């Protein structure tokens, strides 16, 4: 599959130089197709995705404040948040907790057998179980006063990964762009977690993503009539409005 992430990285700095935050990047610059068929792109500086913010350094804090992050959406479970509290960002006016624990996610990380199978179960459960949480996310996105907005989970790859896929689809991104953004998490997390992956190879499926995982979630979304109907009917999102806000 063509590496759209690498191709468009050069336009601006999509991957942010964080020291203690995993997988911190933005959606700006990705190519999309407007409703009239014209080539557009996602606006820079409005939509950010990441892993947990508990490891945020002083430089990371300064970086996010320079980006004027106004809203932070946290998909972690209550136990995840208690174990790793997020640091404070001076520019943030709104912190929204939208815990997603699809498929007993918190307990799953302690399963030592069949990690890949467990991940596939997670992705099969996510589209249905996350509807109320993603609905609130899209409600926040519909109001420009909430941006720049950063949404995250623990590693920024599964709950955040599917949220990113839904946002990019709503904005008119092609399938290859959506998958490229999703799969970039594996490269970034391998760089950070290489020692752990080497010492505990049976847990690698928990620490990375695979194209097959997202395909499972997509298959579940097809049961709702496809991405567009899922976004419009289940998440109550106005795709036309979102494209006006976030594409140029």
Foldseek 3Di string as FASTA:
>chain_A
DDQQCVVQCVVDNQQDPFDFWFPKGFQWRAWFADPVRDIWTWHPLAEIFTAAQLRGDPVNLVVVVVSLQAEEEEQADPVVCVVRPHDDRVSYPYYHYNHQCFLNVVCLLVDLPPNLVSLLNRLLRCLVRSLVVLLVVLVLLLDSVNTSYYYYYHNRARNVLVSQLLLCVLLGHDPVSSVSSNQVSQVRQCVVCVVVCVVRVSSVPVRGDDPVSVVSNQVNCVVCVGSVSCCCPRSVHDSNSSNVVTID
